[in-house]
Amino acid sequence: MKVLMVCLGNICRSPIAEGVLRHISEERGIKLEIDSAGTSGYHAGEQPDARAMKCLKHHEIDISNQLCRQIKSSDFEYFDKIFAMDRSNLKDLLSMCPEEKWKSKISLFLHFEDDVHRQIVPDPYYGGEHDFERVYELAIKGSEHFLNLQ
């Protein structure tokens, strides 16, 4: 299975989600191909935000080899699951998707939450360390839910 995590700039949330899903799936012995991308190309070619890397390093997960990139049309066909971090990303992904038949692959990462406010992975970019830690915790929750279905 091939999984793509998506946020706006691919610098905070989606790299964290990619790193956490990869870490947990490897611990469980589940083979996945995992990547992340942004709906925008603001940070293409850059490493994830230093605060995101620091947060995950604290949890013994290294994402320093990731490079930010913008989603491309071929991703919609290639990946089996495309997880958006918030409703704005979800809306953008659905409008960018080149084929109607691939839209069923796209959902919110925390789509399983009953409360619509808890379905969002908040953007930590303008926040502090605790905001990055919150994204890490939500990435664990979303990753474990996804892997439990595999």
C-alpha atoms as a PDB file:
ATOM      1  CA  MET A   1       0.000   0.000   0.000  1.00  0.00           C
ATOM      2  CA  LYS A   2       1.158   3.499  -0.858  1.00  0.00           C
ATOM      3  CA  VAL A   3       0.177   6.379   1.458  1.00  0.00           C
ATOM      4  CA  LEU A   4       0.600  10.130   0.932  1.00  0.00           C
ATOM      5  CA  MET A   5       0.283  12.698   3.739  1.00  0.00           C
ATOM      6  CA  VAL A   6      -0.647  16.227   2.618  1.00  0.00           C
ATOM      7  CA  CYS A   7      -0.695  19.663   4.252  1.00  0.00           C
ATOM      8  CA  LEU A   8      -0.276  23.165   2.851  1.00  0.00           C
ATOM      9  CA  GLY A   9       3.501  23.551   2.578  1.00  0.00           C
ATOM     10  CA  ASN A  10       4.777  20.044   3.419  1.00  0.00           C
ATOM     11  CA  ILE A  11       7.010  21.543   6.093  1.00  0.00           C
ATOM     12  CA  CYS A  12       5.308  20.699   9.426  1.00  0.00           C
ATOM     13  CA  ARG A  13       2.249  18.453   9.622  1.00  0.00           C
ATOM     14  CA  SER A  14       2.657  16.115   6.672  1.00  0.00           C
ATOM     15  CA  PRO A  15       6.373  15.439   7.301  1.00  0.00           C
ATOM     16  CA  ILE A  16       5.550  14.646  10.947  1.00  0.00           C
ATOM     17  CA  ALA A  17       2.690  12.361   9.872  1.00  0.00           C
ATOM     18  CA  GLU A  18       4.937  10.661   7.308  1.00  0.00           C
ATOM     19  CA  GLY A  19       7.674  10.080   9.881  1.00  0.00           C
ATOM     20  CA  VAL A  20       5.302   8.792  12.558  1.00  0.00           C
ATOM     21  CA  LEU A  21       3.437   6.445  10.187  1.00  0.00           C
ATOM     22  CA  ARG A  22       6.734   5.097   8.853  1.00  0.00           C
ATOM     23  CA  HIS A  23       8.073   4.554  12.383  1.00  0.00           C
ATOM     24  CA  ILE A  24       4.968   2.769  13.685  1.00  0.00           C
ATOM     25  CA  SER A  25       4.503   0.660  10.533  1.00  0.00           C
ATOM     26  CA  GLU A  26       8.143  -0.478  10.687  1.00  0.00           C
ATOM     27  CA  GLU A  27       7.755  -1.355  14.376  1.00  0.00           C
ATOM     28  CA  ARG A  28       4.706  -3.467  13.488  1.00  0.00           C
ATOM     29  CA  GLY A  29       6.376  -5.050  10.462  1.00  0.00           C
ATOM     30  CA  ILE A  30       3.798  -3.588   8.072  1.00  0.00           C
ATOM     31  CA  LYS A  31       5.177  -2.805   4.623  1.00  0.00           C
ATOM     32  CA  LEU A  32       4.031   0.572   3.325  1.00  0.00           C
ATOM     33  CA  GLU A  33       5.375   3.110   0.892  1.00  0.00           C
ATOM     34  CA  ILE A  34       4.915   6.492   2.586  1.00  0.00           C
ATOM     35  CA  ASP A  35       5.526  10.003   1.315  1.00  0.00           C
ATOM     36  CA  SER A  36       4.302  13.519   1.996  1.00  0.00           C
ATOM     37  CA  ALA A  37       3.563  16.584  -0.098  1.00  0.00           C
ATOM     38  CA  GLY A  38       2.070  20.048   0.084  1.00  0.00           C
ATOM     39  CA  THR A  39      -0.790  21.548  -1.860  1.00  0.00           C
ATOM     40  CA  SER A  40       1.558  24.507  -2.433  1.00  0.00           C
ATOM     41  CA  GLY A  41       5.174  24.572  -3.473  1.00  0.00           C
ATOM     42  CA  TYR A  42       6.311  27.264  -1.027  1.00  0.00           C
ATOM     43  CA  HIS A  43       9.017  25.092   0.527  1.00  0.00           C
ATOM     44  CA  ALA A  44       9.818  22.671  -2.307  1.00  0.00           C
ATOM     45  CA  GLY A  45      13.302  21.213  -1.956  1.00  0.00           C
ATOM     46  CA  GLU A  46      13.691  22.251   1.692  1.00  0.00           C
ATOM     47  CA  GLN A  47      13.955  20.042   4.751  1.00  0.00           C
ATOM     48  CA  PRO A  48      10.983  19.993   7.128  1.00  0.00           C
ATOM     49  CA  ASP A  49      10.701  22.813   9.667  1.00  0.00           C
ATOM     50  CA  ALA A  50      13.517  22.612  12.238  1.00  0.00           C
ATOM     51  CA  ARG A  51      10.936  22.476  15.044  1.00  0.00           C
ATOM     52  CA  ALA A  52       9.228  19.476  13.423  1.00  0.00           C
ATOM     53  CA  MET A  53      12.570  17.679  13.128  1.00  0.00           C
ATOM     54  CA  LYS A  54      13.436  18.543  16.747  1.00  0.00           C
ATOM     55  CA  CYS A  55      10.069  17.287  18.015  1.00  0.00           C
ATOM     56  CA  LEU A  56      10.407  13.952  16.259  1.00  0.00           C
ATOM     57  CA  LYS A  57      14.071  13.585  17.155  1.00  0.00           C
ATOM     58  CA  HIS A  58      12.967  13.876  20.800  1.00  0.00           C
ATOM     59  CA  HIS A  59      10.780  10.814  20.091  1.00  0.00           C
ATOM     60  CA  GLU A  60      13.650   9.025  18.299  1.00  0.00           C
ATOM     61  CA  ILE A  61      12.245   9.539  14.802  1.00  0.00           C
ATOM     62  CA  ASP A  62      14.523  11.102  12.194  1.00  0.00           C
ATOM     63  CA  ILE A  63      12.876  13.012   9.337  1.00  0.00           C
ATOM     64  CA  SER A  64      15.954  15.026   8.344  1.00  0.00           C
ATOM     65  CA  ASN A  65      16.221  13.111   5.043  1.00  0.00           C
ATOM     66  CA  GLN A  66      12.775  14.276   3.885  1.00  0.00           C
ATOM     67  CA  LEU A  67      12.520  17.053   1.329  1.00  0.00           C
ATOM     68  CA  CYS A  68       9.400  19.142   0.909  1.00  0.00           C
ATOM     69  CA  ARG A  69       7.578  18.882  -2.386  1.00  0.00           C
ATOM     70  CA  GLN A  70       4.340  19.916  -4.006  1.00  0.00           C
ATOM     71  CA  ILE A  71       1.732  17.322  -4.914  1.00  0.00           C
ATOM     72  CA  LYS A  72       1.627  16.468  -8.603  1.00  0.00           C
ATOM     73  CA  SER A  73      -1.133  15.055 -10.804  1.00  0.00           C
ATOM     74  CA  SER A  74       0.457  11.606 -10.983  1.00  0.00           C
ATOM     75  CA  ASP A  75       0.262  11.274  -7.170  1.00  0.00           C
ATOM     76  CA  PHE A  76      -3.511  10.890  -7.368  1.00  0.00           C
ATOM     77  CA  GLU A  77      -3.190   7.771  -9.484  1.00  0.00           C
ATOM     78  CA  TYR A  78      -0.061   6.391  -7.809  1.00  0.00           C
ATOM     79  CA  PHE A  79      -1.058   6.483  -4.133  1.00  0.00           C
ATOM     80  CA  ASP A  80      -3.714   4.227  -2.622  1.00  0.00           C
ATOM     81  CA  LYS A  81      -4.551   6.612   0.248  1.00  0.00           C
ATOM     82  CA  ILE A  82      -4.094  10.375   0.348  1.00  0.00           C
ATOM     83  CA  PHE A  83      -4.578  11.916   3.778  1.00  0.00           C
ATOM     84  CA  ALA A  84      -5.256  15.653   4.171  1.00  0.00           C
ATOM     85  CA  MET A  85      -4.375  17.315   7.467  1.00  0.00           C
ATOM     86  CA  ASP A  86      -7.315  19.760   7.437  1.00  0.00           C
ATOM     87  CA  ARG A  87     -10.457  20.677   5.513  1.00  0.00           C
ATOM     88  CA  SER A  88      -8.735  23.347   3.440  1.00  0.00           C
ATOM     89  CA  ASN A  89      -6.181  20.787   2.223  1.00  0.00           C
ATOM     90  CA  LEU A  90      -8.986  18.285   1.613  1.00  0.00           C
ATOM     91  CA  LYS A  91     -10.907  20.805  -0.489  1.00  0.00           C
ATOM     92  CA  ASP A  92      -7.765  21.701  -2.458  1.00  0.00           C
ATOM     93  CA  LEU A  93      -6.915  18.038  -3.071  1.00  0.00           C
ATOM     94  CA  LEU A  94     -10.419  17.238  -4.287  1.00  0.00           C
ATOM     95  CA  SER A  95     -10.336  20.199  -6.682  1.00  0.00           C
ATOM     96  CA  MET A  96      -6.831  19.312  -7.913  1.00  0.00           C
ATOM     97  CA  CYS A  97      -7.614  15.632  -8.487  1.00  0.00           C
ATOM     98  CA  PRO A  98      -7.514  15.045 -12.260  1.00  0.00           C
ATOM     99  CA  GLU A  99      -9.885  12.038 -12.289  1.00  0.00           C
ATOM    100  CA  GLU A 100     -13.201  11.646 -10.478  1.00  0.00           C
ATOM    101  CA  LYS A 101     -12.457   7.935  -9.832  1.00  0.00           C
ATOM    102  CA  TRP A 102      -9.395   8.816  -7.703  1.00  0.00           C
ATOM    103  CA  LYS A 103     -11.255  11.157  -5.336  1.00  0.00           C
ATOM    104  CA  SER A 104     -12.299   8.195  -3.173  1.00  0.00           C
ATOM    105  CA  LYS A 105      -8.632   7.806  -2.169  1.00  0.00           C
ATOM    106  CA  ILE A 106      -8.661  11.236  -0.491  1.00  0.00           C
ATOM    107  CA  SER A 107      -9.813  11.796   3.099  1.00  0.00           C
ATOM    108  CA  LEU A 108      -8.943  13.658   6.260  1.00  0.00           C
ATOM    109  CA  PHE A 109      -6.188  11.917   8.220  1.00  0.00           C
ATOM    110  CA  LEU A 110      -8.377  12.006  11.342  1.00  0.00           C
ATOM    111  CA  HIS A 111     -11.624  11.261   9.465  1.00  0.00           C
ATOM    112  CA  PHE A 112     -12.604   8.617  12.039  1.00  0.00           C
ATOM    113  CA  GLU A 113     -13.150  11.190  14.811  1.00  0.00           C
ATOM    114  CA  ASP A 114     -16.816  11.806  15.670  1.00  0.00           C
ATOM    115  CA  ASP A 115     -16.362  15.478  16.549  1.00  0.00           C
ATOM    116  CA  VAL A 116     -15.610  17.505  13.400  1.00  0.00           C
ATOM    117  CA  HIS A 117     -13.292  19.784  15.402  1.00  0.00           C
ATOM    118  CA  ARG A 118     -11.122  16.799  16.331  1.00  0.00           C
ATOM    119  CA  GLN A 119     -10.784  15.751  12.676  1.00  0.00           C
ATOM    120  CA  ILE A 120      -8.281  18.555  12.046  1.00  0.00           C
ATOM    121  CA  VAL A 121      -4.528  18.430  12.537  1.00  0.00           C
ATOM    122  CA  PRO A 122      -3.844  22.081  13.463  1.00  0.00           C
ATOM    123  CA  ASP A 123      -1.004  23.913  11.740  1.00  0.00           C
ATOM    124  CA  PRO A 124       1.804  24.460  14.288  1.00  0.00           C
ATOM    125  CA  TYR A 125       3.837  26.801  12.060  1.00  0.00           C
ATOM    126  CA  TYR A 126       3.083  29.986  14.005  1.00  0.00           C
ATOM    127  CA  GLY A 127       3.031  28.213  17.369  1.00  0.00           C
ATOM    128  CA  GLY A 128       5.533  26.842  19.815  1.00  0.00           C
ATOM    129  CA  GLU A 129       7.018  23.492  20.739  1.00  0.00           C
ATOM    130  CA  HIS A 130       3.781  22.361  22.383  1.00  0.00           C
ATOM    131  CA  ASP A 131       1.973  22.829  19.048  1.00  0.00           C
ATOM    132  CA  PHE A 132       4.447  20.529  17.295  1.00  0.00           C
ATOM    133  CA  GLU A 133       4.056  18.019  20.123  1.00  0.00           C
ATOM    134  CA  ARG A 134       0.274  18.135  19.587  1.00  0.00           C
ATOM    135  CA  VAL A 135       0.740  17.348  15.883  1.00  0.00           C
ATOM    136  CA  TYR A 136       2.996  14.430  16.871  1.00  0.00           C
ATOM    137  CA  GLU A 137       0.305  13.086  19.224  1.00  0.00           C
ATOM    138  CA  LEU A 138      -2.372  13.398  16.535  1.00  0.00           C
ATOM    139  CA  ALA A 139      -0.055  11.700  14.015  1.00  0.00           C
ATOM    140  CA  ILE A 140       0.254   8.752  16.386  1.00  0.00           C
ATOM    141  CA  LYS A 141      -3.521   8.590  16.757  1.00  0.00           C
ATOM    142  CA  GLY A 142      -4.163   8.756  13.001  1.00  0.00           C
ATOM    143  CA  SER A 143      -1.363   6.324  12.172  1.00  0.00           C
ATOM    144  CA  GLU A 144      -2.494   3.758  14.715  1.00  0.00           C
ATOM    145  CA  HIS A 145      -6.087   3.974  13.506  1.00  0.00           C
ATOM    146  CA  PHE A 146      -4.994   3.515   9.883  1.00  0.00           C
ATOM    147  CA  LEU A 147      -2.635   0.627  10.690  1.00  0.00           C
ATOM    148  CA  ASN A 148      -5.243  -1.146  12.811  1.00  0.00           C
ATOM    149  CA  LEU A 149      -7.393  -1.348   9.661  1.00  0.00           C
ATOM    150  CA  GLN A 150      -4.598  -2.974   7.646  1.00  0.00           C
END
